[in-house]
Amino acid sequence: MTSFRLEMDALVVAFTDGAPARTYYLDKESGRVFSLSDDHVDAESEEITVQLEVDGGRRYLQVPKPTLEEELQEQDSFMESLEDDELKTKLAKVIESDHDGSQFQELISRQREAREKWMSFCRPRARERADQWLKTLGLSPS
């Protein structure tokens, strides 16, 4: 396994961010995790995009995004983990008709307590997925 210094907190953020317009990359040499936004084009972003194309995945690895199905499963698992009947009831009602997870995200973003519970639920799971991804790549952060 190749060992390198890694910004693990940034990698965990990348694994929790399902925004379709943002793509995260891991620099295997520096351990830095950075993102590019589809809706923000500037000279620096264009330069990085060219470097990524030239690199061909040798140094810079695209961090995988969860599929819609995985995101919806994560939302269901979160709801089932809740002991708070009021929040659980609200989420169950939203999830019932929310085919793309957007209503769930909207409800979570509007309620601080729900957002904190969601992040507490997601972070360790994202960390686990990040660790597994690194392992499949033969990378071991130091």
Foldseek 3Di string as FASTA:
>chain_A
DAEAAAPLVVQLVQAVDQDPQKWWKAFQHHNDIDIDGNVDDDPVNVVVVVVCVVCVCPGIDIRDYDDQVVVLVLLVVLLVPDPPPVVSVVSVVCSVPDPRCPSVVVVLVVDPVSVVSSCVSRRVVSSVVSVVVCVVVVYDYD
